[in-house]
């Protein structure tokens, strides 16, 4: 048996239905939209939950794939450990040979970061000023590098600032070698240096030098001015000169000299 409140509810529902039937189509549509809007948040939550479940299911890798990746990582870890052991042994062997040959140990560079604060208007592309000077321990001829490679050397030291002459200037010649062939030469200004400060010439090479584009050029350490191994650039091209008596090459510099903002001075 239905109770009195239930009868009342049924009567109210019937009366509401009759009232809706008597309304215009416009009013009926608005009522349906209002009622549907009450349930939209629930539908949105359900859809979001389903999407989250779908993404989570898609991101879960099969067990076999996880095991395969774990095996690869373990193999890579063992390989790196073996390489570490080899490098340690190579370092010990290098130390023994240096001691036997009475060769000096390579001392880590002591770097001082400096900011480029100006350029010489009379020599805009070949000279910059940095905010370190003698009060900071800077002296003439200290090498200056950027993250990409060699920049130049300190040419004049003041108390708070210093001038740096850049690669490509006649006052900044550098003894270098080609890593792959071990050919030695000297970096000198390029004929195109006036319009292109990204290129320098590599001179005094043997006529038997066989150079190819892309070979890396680094400082040789000869002359005790620039430490050995600083990247200078890459071979762009090579040519025979003086009727085949010598070989010259053009080198594309690694450091972008026209965009220098921070440099490092090597305090030897």
Protein backbone atom coordinates (compact mmCIF):
# COMPACT_ATOMS: atom_id res chain seq x y z
CA UNK A 1 0.00 0.00 0.00
CA UNK A 2 1.21 3.46 -0.86
CA UNK A 3 1.51 5.97 1.90
CA UNK A 4 -0.01 9.41 1.80
CA UNK A 5 3.26 11.25 0.92
CA UNK A 6 3.74 8.92 -2.01
CA UNK A 7 0.21 9.65 -3.28
CA UNK A 8 0.93 13.35 -3.00
CA UNK A 9 4.18 12.97 -4.95
CA UNK A 10 2.44 11.03 -7.74
CA UNK A 11 -0.29 13.65 -8.00
CA UNK A 12 2.30 16.43 -8.18
CA UNK A 13 4.19 14.66 -10.95
CA UNK A 14 0.97 14.15 -12.97
CA UNK A 15 -0.01 17.80 -12.50
CA UNK A 16 3.48 18.93 -13.57
CA UNK A 17 3.29 16.75 -16.67
CA UNK A 18 -0.11 18.16 -17.59
CA UNK A 19 1.18 21.67 -17.03
CA UNK A 20 4.16 21.04 -19.32
CA UNK A 21 1.92 19.63 -22.03
CA UNK A 22 -0.06 22.82 -21.94
CA UNK A 23 2.95 25.07 -22.37
CA UNK A 24 4.41 26.30 -25.62
CA UNK A 25 7.32 24.53 -27.30
CA UNK A 26 9.69 27.38 -26.35
CA UNK A 27 8.92 27.09 -22.63
CA UNK A 28 9.17 23.31 -22.76
CA UNK A 29 12.63 23.51 -24.36
CA UNK A 30 13.87 25.88 -21.67
CA UNK A 31 12.67 23.56 -18.93
CA UNK A 32 14.45 20.59 -20.54
CA UNK A 33 17.66 22.60 -20.79
CA UNK A 34 17.44 23.63 -17.14
CA UNK A 35 16.90 20.07 -15.98
CA UNK A 36 19.67 18.77 -18.22
CA UNK A 37 22.05 21.41 -16.89
CA UNK A 38 21.67 19.98 -13.42
CA UNK A 39 23.24 16.71 -14.64
CA UNK A 40 25.99 18.17 -16.87
CA UNK A 41 28.60 18.36 -14.07
CA UNK A 42 28.04 14.69 -13.34
CA UNK A 43 28.49 13.82 -17.02
CA UNK A 44 31.68 15.96 -17.14
CA UNK A 45 33.17 14.22 -14.11
CA UNK A 46 32.39 10.85 -15.62
CA UNK A 47 33.98 11.74 -18.97
CA UNK A 48 37.12 13.17 -17.28
CA UNK A 49 37.49 10.08 -15.15
CA UNK A 50 37.16 7.85 -18.21
CA UNK A 51 39.76 9.90 -20.13
CA UNK A 52 42.16 9.68 -17.18
CA UNK A 53 41.72 5.93 -17.04
CA UNK A 54 42.33 5.67 -20.78
CA UNK A 55 45.56 7.72 -20.56
CA UNK A 56 46.78 5.73 -17.60
CA UNK A 57 46.11 2.47 -19.39
CA UNK A 58 47.93 3.69 -22.50
CA UNK A 59 50.99 4.80 -20.49
CA UNK A 60 51.43 1.44 -18.76
CA UNK A 61 54.02 -0.59 -20.63
CA UNK A 62 53.73 -4.33 -20.92
CA UNK A 63 55.75 -6.30 -18.41
CA UNK A 64 57.93 -7.80 -21.15
CA UNK A 65 58.85 -4.31 -22.41
CA UNK A 66 59.73 -3.15 -18.89
CA UNK A 67 61.96 -6.20 -18.37
CA UNK A 68 63.67 -5.56 -21.71
CA UNK A 69 64.41 -1.94 -20.79
CA UNK A 70 65.74 -3.00 -17.39
CA UNK A 71 68.11 -5.46 -19.05
CA UNK A 72 69.36 -2.77 -21.44
CA UNK A 73 69.97 -0.34 -18.56
CA UNK A 74 71.88 -2.98 -16.61
CA UNK A 75 74.05 -3.75 -19.65
CA UNK A 76 74.71 -0.04 -20.19
CA UNK A 77 75.63 0.35 -16.51
CA UNK A 78 78.12 -2.51 -16.71
CA UNK A 79 79.61 -1.10 -19.92
CA UNK A 80 80.11 2.33 -18.34
CA UNK A 81 81.71 0.77 -15.26
CA UNK A 82 84.16 -1.14 -17.47
CA UNK A 83 84.98 2.06 -19.36
CA UNK A 84 85.57 3.81 -16.04
CA UNK A 85 88.03 1.10 -15.03
CA UNK A 86 89.83 1.44 -18.38
CA UNK A 87 90.04 5.23 -18.02
CA UNK A 88 91.43 4.93 -14.51
CA UNK A 89 94.08 2.51 -15.72
CA UNK A 90 94.89 4.80 -18.67
CA UNK A 91 95.28 7.74 -16.26
CA UNK A 92 97.65 5.72 -14.06
CA UNK A 93 99.65 4.62 -17.10
CA UNK A 94 99.82 8.22 -18.32
CA UNK A 95 101.12 9.32 -14.91
CA UNK A 96 103.80 6.60 -14.93
CA UNK A 97 104.96 7.51 -18.44
CA UNK A 98 105.11 11.22 -17.58
CA UNK A 99 107.17 10.43 -14.53
CA UNK A 100 109.50 8.16 -16.50
CA UNK A 101 109.97 10.75 -19.26
CA UNK A 102 110.22 13.63 -16.78
CA UNK A 103 107.27 15.35 -18.44
CA UNK A 104 105.40 17.98 -16.43
CA UNK A 105 101.87 17.23 -15.32
CA UNK A 106 99.05 19.06 -17.01
CA UNK A 107 97.70 21.61 -14.57
CA UNK A 108 93.93 22.32 -14.64
CA UNK A 109 93.10 25.74 -15.99
CA UNK A 110 92.23 28.46 -13.49
CA UNK A 111 89.45 30.38 -15.20
CA UNK A 112 88.25 33.89 -14.42
CA UNK A 113 84.94 34.90 -15.99
CA UNK A 114 84.80 38.39 -17.48
CA UNK A 115 82.17 40.43 -19.25
CA UNK A 116 82.76 42.16 -22.56
CA UNK A 117 82.08 45.83 -21.83
CA UNK A 118 83.29 47.54 -24.98
CA UNK A 119 84.96 47.41 -28.37
CA UNK A 120 87.62 49.59 -29.91
CA UNK A 121 85.93 51.85 -32.52
CA UNK A 122 89.13 51.93 -34.55
CA UNK A 123 89.40 48.12 -34.58
CA UNK A 124 85.83 47.00 -33.94
CA UNK A 125 86.08 43.37 -35.07
CA UNK A 126 89.54 42.59 -33.67
CA UNK A 127 89.55 44.02 -30.14
CA UNK A 128 87.25 43.98 -27.08
CA UNK A 129 87.45 45.31 -23.54
CA UNK A 130 86.67 43.18 -20.49
CA UNK A 131 85.87 44.15 -16.89
CA UNK A 132 88.93 42.48 -15.31
CA UNK A 133 92.31 44.11 -14.75
CA UNK A 134 95.50 43.94 -12.77
CA UNK A 135 93.61 44.18 -9.48
CA UNK A 136 92.00 40.84 -10.46
CA UNK A 137 95.34 39.18 -11.23
CA UNK A 138 95.12 39.67 -14.99
CA UNK A 139 98.37 40.14 -16.89
CA UNK A 140 99.29 40.59 -20.54
CA UNK A 141 99.21 37.58 -22.89
CA UNK A 142 96.79 35.53 -20.80
CA UNK A 143 94.63 33.38 -23.13
CA UNK A 144 90.95 34.26 -23.42
CA UNK A 145 88.35 31.67 -24.38
CA UNK A 146 84.59 31.34 -24.83
CA UNK A 147 82.45 28.27 -24.31
CA UNK A 148 82.95 27.32 -27.98
CA UNK A 149 86.70 27.81 -28.21
CA UNK A 150 89.65 30.21 -28.31
CA UNK A 151 88.92 33.94 -28.53
CA UNK A 152 92.32 35.63 -28.26
CA UNK A 153 94.72 36.96 -25.65
CA UNK A 154 94.99 39.86 -23.24
CA UNK A 155 96.94 42.57 -25.06
CA UNK A 156 96.85 45.45 -22.56
CA UNK A 157 96.06 45.41 -18.86
CA UNK A 158 94.65 48.30 -16.84
CA UNK A 159 93.78 48.40 -13.18
CA UNK A 160 90.09 47.56 -13.60
CA UNK A 161 89.78 46.71 -17.31
CA UNK A 162 91.82 44.98 -20.00
CA UNK A 163 91.96 44.86 -23.79
CA UNK A 164 91.74 41.54 -25.62
CA UNK A 165 93.07 41.14 -29.15
CA UNK A 166 90.99 38.60 -31.07
CA UNK A 167 91.88 35.81 -33.46
CA UNK A 168 92.36 37.12 -36.96
CA UNK A 169 94.30 40.17 -35.84
CA UNK A 170 97.97 40.27 -36.95
CA UNK A 171 98.94 40.70 -33.28
CA UNK A 172 97.30 37.39 -32.32
CA UNK A 173 99.09 34.54 -34.06
CA UNK A 174 98.57 31.09 -32.57
CA UNK A 175 100.49 27.85 -33.01
CA UNK A 176 97.99 25.09 -33.74
CA UNK A 177 97.73 21.51 -34.94
CA UNK A 178 95.16 19.53 -36.87
CA UNK A 179 93.99 16.79 -34.51
CA UNK A 180 93.43 14.10 -37.12
CA UNK A 181 96.64 14.51 -39.12
CA UNK A 182 98.86 16.10 -36.39
CA UNK A 183 99.99 18.76 -38.88
CA UNK A 184 101.36 21.89 -37.22
CA UNK A 185 100.82 25.43 -38.44
CA UNK A 186 100.16 29.01 -37.40
CA UNK A 187 96.87 30.89 -37.36
CA UNK A 188 97.17 34.16 -39.29
CA UNK A 189 94.75 36.83 -40.55
CA UNK A 190 92.68 35.87 -43.56
CA UNK A 191 92.42 37.96 -46.71
CA UNK A 192 88.66 37.92 -46.10
CA UNK A 193 89.08 39.02 -42.49
CA UNK A 194 88.01 42.57 -43.20
CA UNK A 195 84.53 41.44 -44.17
CA UNK A 196 84.29 38.04 -42.46
CA UNK A 197 85.69 37.59 -38.95
CA UNK A 198 84.63 33.95 -38.78
CA UNK A 199 87.50 32.79 -41.04
CA UNK A 200 91.27 32.77 -40.44
CA UNK A 201 94.18 31.29 -42.40
CA UNK A 202 96.29 28.34 -41.31
CA UNK A 203 99.79 28.78 -42.71
CA UNK A 204 103.23 27.12 -42.70
CA UNK A 205 101.84 23.65 -43.32
CA UNK A 206 103.87 20.96 -45.01
CA UNK A 207 103.27 20.50 -48.72
CA UNK A 208 102.47 16.85 -47.91
CA UNK A 209 99.61 17.79 -45.59
CA UNK A 210 96.37 16.11 -46.56
CA UNK A 211 93.57 18.16 -45.05
CA UNK A 212 89.82 17.75 -45.39
CA UNK A 213 86.92 20.03 -44.46
CA UNK A 214 85.61 19.42 -40.96
CA UNK A 215 88.91 18.37 -39.37
CA UNK A 216 89.30 20.00 -35.96
CA UNK A 217 92.06 22.50 -35.23
CA UNK A 218 93.33 23.01 -31.66
CA UNK A 219 96.17 24.88 -29.99
CA UNK A 220 99.46 22.95 -30.07
CA UNK A 221 100.94 24.26 -26.83
CA UNK A 222 104.11 25.38 -28.59
CA UNK A 223 105.40 28.74 -27.47
CA UNK A 224 104.05 28.41 -23.91
CA UNK A 225 101.44 31.10 -24.54
CA UNK A 226 98.28 29.08 -25.19
CA UNK A 227 97.76 25.76 -23.39
CA UNK A 228 97.53 22.70 -25.60
CA UNK A 229 94.13 21.43 -26.68
CA UNK A 230 91.99 24.58 -26.86
CA UNK A 231 89.57 24.30 -29.77
CA UNK A 232 90.21 26.91 -32.46
CA UNK A 233 87.89 25.77 -35.25
CA UNK A 234 87.53 23.43 -38.22
CA UNK A 235 89.22 23.18 -41.60
CA UNK A 236 87.06 24.86 -44.23
CA UNK A 237 89.26 24.14 -47.25
CA UNK A 238 92.95 23.74 -48.21
CA UNK A 239 95.13 24.74 -51.14
CA UNK A 240 98.73 24.54 -52.38
CA UNK A 241 100.73 27.78 -52.47
CA UNK A 242 104.14 28.93 -53.64
CA UNK A 243 104.05 26.57 -56.64
CA UNK A 244 103.31 23.59 -54.43
CA UNK A 245 106.00 24.22 -51.85
CA UNK A 246 103.53 24.75 -49.00
CA UNK A 247 99.95 24.07 -48.05
CA UNK A 248 97.59 26.62 -46.61
CA UNK A 249 94.09 26.18 -45.27
CA UNK A 250 91.18 28.32 -44.18
CA UNK A 251 89.80 27.67 -40.71
CA UNK A 252 86.25 28.40 -39.61
CA UNK A 253 86.50 29.68 -36.05
CA UNK A 254 84.56 27.88 -33.32
CA UNK A 255 83.95 31.01 -31.22
CA UNK A 256 81.59 33.66 -32.59
CA UNK A 257 83.71 36.74 -32.11
CA UNK A 258 81.01 39.22 -33.14
CA UNK A 259 78.55 38.06 -30.43
CA UNK A 260 80.84 37.86 -27.40
CA UNK A 261 79.22 38.78 -24.08
CA UNK A 262 81.04 36.63 -21.49
CA UNK A 263 84.55 35.20 -21.81
CA UNK A 264 86.99 33.36 -19.54
CA UNK A 265 90.58 34.34 -18.93
CA UNK A 266 92.98 31.45 -18.32
CA UNK A 267 95.18 32.44 -15.38
CA UNK A 268 98.22 30.22 -15.87
